[in-house]
Amino acid sequence: MIHSSGGINLIIRPEKHEFHPHYQPYIDLIPSGDLIMILEQQIEETLRLLEGLTEAEGVRHYASGKWTVKEVIGHIADTERIMAYRLLVICRGEQHEFRGYNDESYVKQAGFNEQTMAWHMKNLLAVRQATIMLMKGLQSSAWTLTGRANGSSVTVLALAAIIAGHERHHVKILRDRYL
């Protein structure tokens, strides 16, 4: 939902009917407020957390069968790209439904461990900057547009919130289990 206050749009959390219940834990991780500002602050915090990690730390697993730090970072970037693409397509009026994607397969095929930590940080920043520019260019009416993904309705606002919450979810895992 979007409220206008003194000519400034304050974007608040999406309502439950705006997204599939699977995404509720991600939505719960973000505060109410301007999602663009939240995304700008988040990337700074995430990059600060990752700076200084060695290549050896980047390929560390916290448990057998779990992704490495590099794979988690790559997954965050891939998911943001996918959600931002969905956001773009909905804003531009396309009506097709998006299928889900297999994140395990994406990570397996990506070869994230072959990239340097510096590459991962630059990639994550580039993806976030593109997402923010896309969102800054939206008309205020676009935030309530609805599309379909994974068999459910989803709004542009919900996709933006999912991007923020998904990153926050994985950064918490990085802090708690890897670092």
Protein backbone atom coordinates (compact mmCIF):
# COMPACT_ATOMS: atom_id res chain seq x y z
CA MET A 1 0.00 0.00 0.00
CA ILE A 2 1.19 3.54 -0.74
CA HIS A 3 0.29 6.64 1.21
CA SER A 4 1.04 10.16 0.09
CA SER A 5 2.17 12.63 2.70
CA GLY A 6 3.04 16.19 1.72
CA GLY A 7 3.93 15.17 -1.84
CA ILE A 8 6.20 12.35 -0.66
CA ASN A 9 5.15 8.76 -1.24
CA LEU A 10 5.77 6.54 1.75
CA ILE A 11 5.70 2.92 0.70
CA ILE A 12 4.62 0.54 3.41
CA ARG A 13 4.47 -3.22 3.67
CA PRO A 14 2.23 -5.09 1.26
CA GLU A 15 -0.95 -6.62 2.59
CA LYS A 16 -1.32 -10.41 2.84
CA HIS A 17 -3.52 -10.67 -0.26
CA GLU A 18 -0.74 -9.13 -2.39
CA PHE A 19 1.58 -12.16 -2.36
CA HIS A 20 1.74 -15.92 -1.87
CA PRO A 21 1.94 -16.97 1.81
CA HIS A 22 5.32 -18.62 1.09
CA TYR A 23 6.83 -15.10 1.08
CA GLN A 24 5.39 -14.02 4.44
CA PRO A 25 8.61 -14.78 6.37
CA TYR A 26 10.54 -12.48 4.02
CA ILE A 27 7.96 -9.71 4.28
CA ASP A 28 8.05 -10.02 8.08
CA LEU A 29 11.77 -9.22 8.07
CA ILE A 30 11.42 -5.74 6.65
CA PRO A 31 10.19 -2.68 8.50
CA SER A 32 7.44 -0.47 7.18
CA GLY A 33 8.85 2.44 5.28
CA ASP A 34 10.27 3.50 1.97
CA LEU A 35 11.38 0.27 0.29
CA ILE A 36 13.81 2.07 -1.98
CA MET A 37 15.60 3.57 1.02
CA ILE A 38 15.55 0.18 2.74
CA LEU A 39 17.12 -1.43 -0.34
CA GLU A 40 19.79 1.28 -0.51
CA GLN A 41 20.68 0.82 3.16
CA GLN A 42 20.59 -2.96 2.95
CA ILE A 43 23.14 -3.22 0.17
CA GLU A 44 25.55 -1.02 2.12
CA GLU A 45 25.15 -3.23 5.21
CA THR A 46 25.53 -6.42 3.20
CA LEU A 47 28.66 -5.24 1.41
CA ARG A 48 30.19 -4.14 4.73
CA LEU A 49 29.49 -7.61 6.12
CA LEU A 50 31.17 -9.29 3.13
CA GLU A 51 34.17 -7.01 2.70
CA GLY A 52 37.32 -8.55 3.94
CA LEU A 53 36.15 -12.15 3.55
CA THR A 54 38.89 -14.29 2.10
CA GLU A 55 38.47 -16.60 -0.86
CA ALA A 56 38.71 -19.55 1.56
CA GLU A 57 35.90 -18.11 3.67
CA GLY A 58 33.88 -17.60 0.49
CA VAL A 59 33.83 -21.32 -0.29
CA ARG A 60 33.04 -22.39 3.27
CA HIS A 61 29.90 -24.43 4.02
CA TYR A 62 28.33 -24.24 7.48
CA ALA A 63 27.15 -27.85 7.12
CA SER A 64 27.43 -30.67 4.64
CA GLY A 65 25.16 -30.16 1.65
CA LYS A 66 24.63 -26.44 2.35
CA TRP A 67 25.64 -23.68 -0.01
CA THR A 68 28.93 -21.83 0.36
CA VAL A 69 29.07 -18.12 1.16
CA LYS A 70 29.68 -17.41 -2.53
CA GLU A 71 26.70 -19.54 -3.51
CA VAL A 72 24.47 -17.71 -1.02
CA ILE A 73 25.59 -14.34 -2.41
CA GLY A 74 25.04 -15.54 -5.97
CA HIS A 75 21.60 -16.84 -5.03
CA ILE A 76 20.65 -13.47 -3.54
CA ALA A 77 21.66 -11.74 -6.79
CA ASP A 78 19.89 -14.29 -9.02
CA THR A 79 16.68 -14.09 -7.03
CA GLU A 80 16.74 -10.30 -7.08
CA ARG A 81 17.20 -10.35 -10.86
CA ILE A 82 14.24 -12.68 -11.24
CA MET A 83 11.96 -10.69 -8.93
CA ALA A 84 13.00 -7.38 -10.54
CA TYR A 85 12.27 -8.83 -13.98
CA ARG A 86 8.82 -9.88 -12.79
CA LEU A 87 8.30 -6.39 -11.38
CA LEU A 88 9.33 -4.83 -14.72
CA VAL A 89 7.11 -7.08 -16.80
CA ILE A 90 4.06 -6.46 -14.62
CA CYS A 91 4.67 -2.69 -14.80
CA ARG A 92 4.90 -2.83 -18.57
CA GLY A 93 1.53 -4.54 -18.87
CA GLU A 94 2.36 -8.11 -19.76
CA GLN A 95 -0.20 -10.59 -18.51
CA HIS A 96 1.53 -13.98 -18.63
CA GLU A 97 2.06 -15.98 -15.46
CA PHE A 98 5.57 -16.56 -14.19
CA ARG A 99 6.58 -20.06 -13.26
CA GLY A 100 8.68 -20.71 -10.23
CA TYR A 101 12.36 -21.42 -10.57
CA ASN A 102 14.54 -24.09 -9.02
CA ASP A 103 17.07 -22.19 -6.91
CA GLU A 104 19.11 -25.34 -6.24
CA SER A 105 19.52 -25.89 -9.98
CA TYR A 106 20.42 -22.25 -10.56
CA VAL A 107 23.14 -22.37 -7.91
CA LYS A 108 24.44 -25.70 -9.21
CA GLN A 109 24.66 -24.40 -12.80
CA ALA A 110 26.13 -20.99 -11.95
CA GLY A 111 29.65 -21.93 -10.86
CA PHE A 112 29.57 -19.25 -8.16
CA ASN A 113 32.55 -20.76 -6.34
CA GLU A 114 34.71 -20.10 -9.40
CA GLN A 115 34.17 -16.34 -9.07
CA THR A 116 36.13 -14.16 -6.67
CA MET A 117 34.61 -12.50 -3.63
CA ALA A 118 35.30 -9.14 -5.28
CA TRP A 119 33.29 -10.25 -8.33
CA HIS A 120 30.39 -11.34 -6.11
CA MET A 121 30.32 -8.02 -4.31
CA LYS A 122 30.42 -6.05 -7.59
CA ASN A 123 27.71 -8.28 -9.05
CA LEU A 124 25.45 -7.89 -6.03
CA LEU A 125 25.92 -4.12 -6.07
CA ALA A 126 25.21 -3.90 -9.81
CA VAL A 127 22.03 -5.93 -9.45
CA ARG A 128 20.85 -3.79 -6.53
CA GLN A 129 21.63 -0.55 -8.35
CA ALA A 130 19.63 -1.73 -11.36
CA THR A 131 16.72 -2.72 -9.12
CA ILE A 132 16.73 0.63 -7.36
CA MET A 133 16.86 2.56 -10.64
CA LEU A 134 13.95 0.52 -11.96
CA MET A 135 11.91 1.24 -8.83
CA LYS A 136 12.80 4.93 -8.80
CA GLY A 137 11.45 5.19 -12.32
CA LEU A 138 8.04 3.73 -11.49
CA GLN A 139 4.96 5.88 -11.56
CA SER A 140 3.17 5.89 -8.21
CA SER A 141 0.27 3.96 -9.74
CA ALA A 142 2.60 1.09 -10.74
CA TRP A 143 3.14 -0.11 -7.17
CA THR A 144 -0.39 -1.55 -7.00
CA LEU A 145 -0.26 -3.35 -10.36
CA THR A 146 -0.83 -7.08 -10.09
CA GLY A 147 0.55 -10.04 -11.98
CA ARG A 148 0.68 -13.77 -11.44
CA ALA A 149 3.60 -15.89 -10.30
CA ASN A 150 3.72 -19.44 -9.01
CA GLY A 151 -0.07 -19.77 -9.15
CA SER A 152 -0.80 -16.66 -7.07
CA SER A 153 -1.39 -12.96 -7.54
CA VAL A 154 1.50 -10.67 -6.68
CA THR A 155 1.76 -6.89 -6.69
CA VAL A 156 4.72 -4.78 -7.70
CA LEU A 157 4.94 -3.59 -4.09
CA ALA A 158 5.06 -7.18 -2.86
CA LEU A 159 7.85 -8.05 -5.29
CA ALA A 160 9.90 -5.10 -4.02
CA ALA A 161 9.29 -6.20 -0.43
CA ILE A 162 10.20 -9.80 -1.28
CA ILE A 163 13.52 -8.61 -2.74
CA ALA A 164 14.32 -6.76 0.50
CA GLY A 165 13.13 -9.56 2.78
CA HIS A 166 14.90 -12.29 0.80
CA GLU A 167 18.22 -10.51 1.13
CA ARG A 168 17.65 -9.88 4.83
CA HIS A 169 16.80 -13.58 5.33
CA HIS A 170 20.02 -14.78 3.71
CA VAL A 171 22.22 -12.14 5.33
CA LYS A 172 20.91 -13.29 8.71
CA ILE A 173 21.89 -16.86 7.80
CA LEU A 174 25.34 -15.65 6.72
CA ARG A 175 25.81 -13.84 10.03
CA ASP A 176 24.46 -16.65 12.21
CA ARG A 177 25.88 -19.72 10.50
CA TYR A 178 28.85 -18.73 8.38
CA LEU A 179 30.50 -15.70 9.92
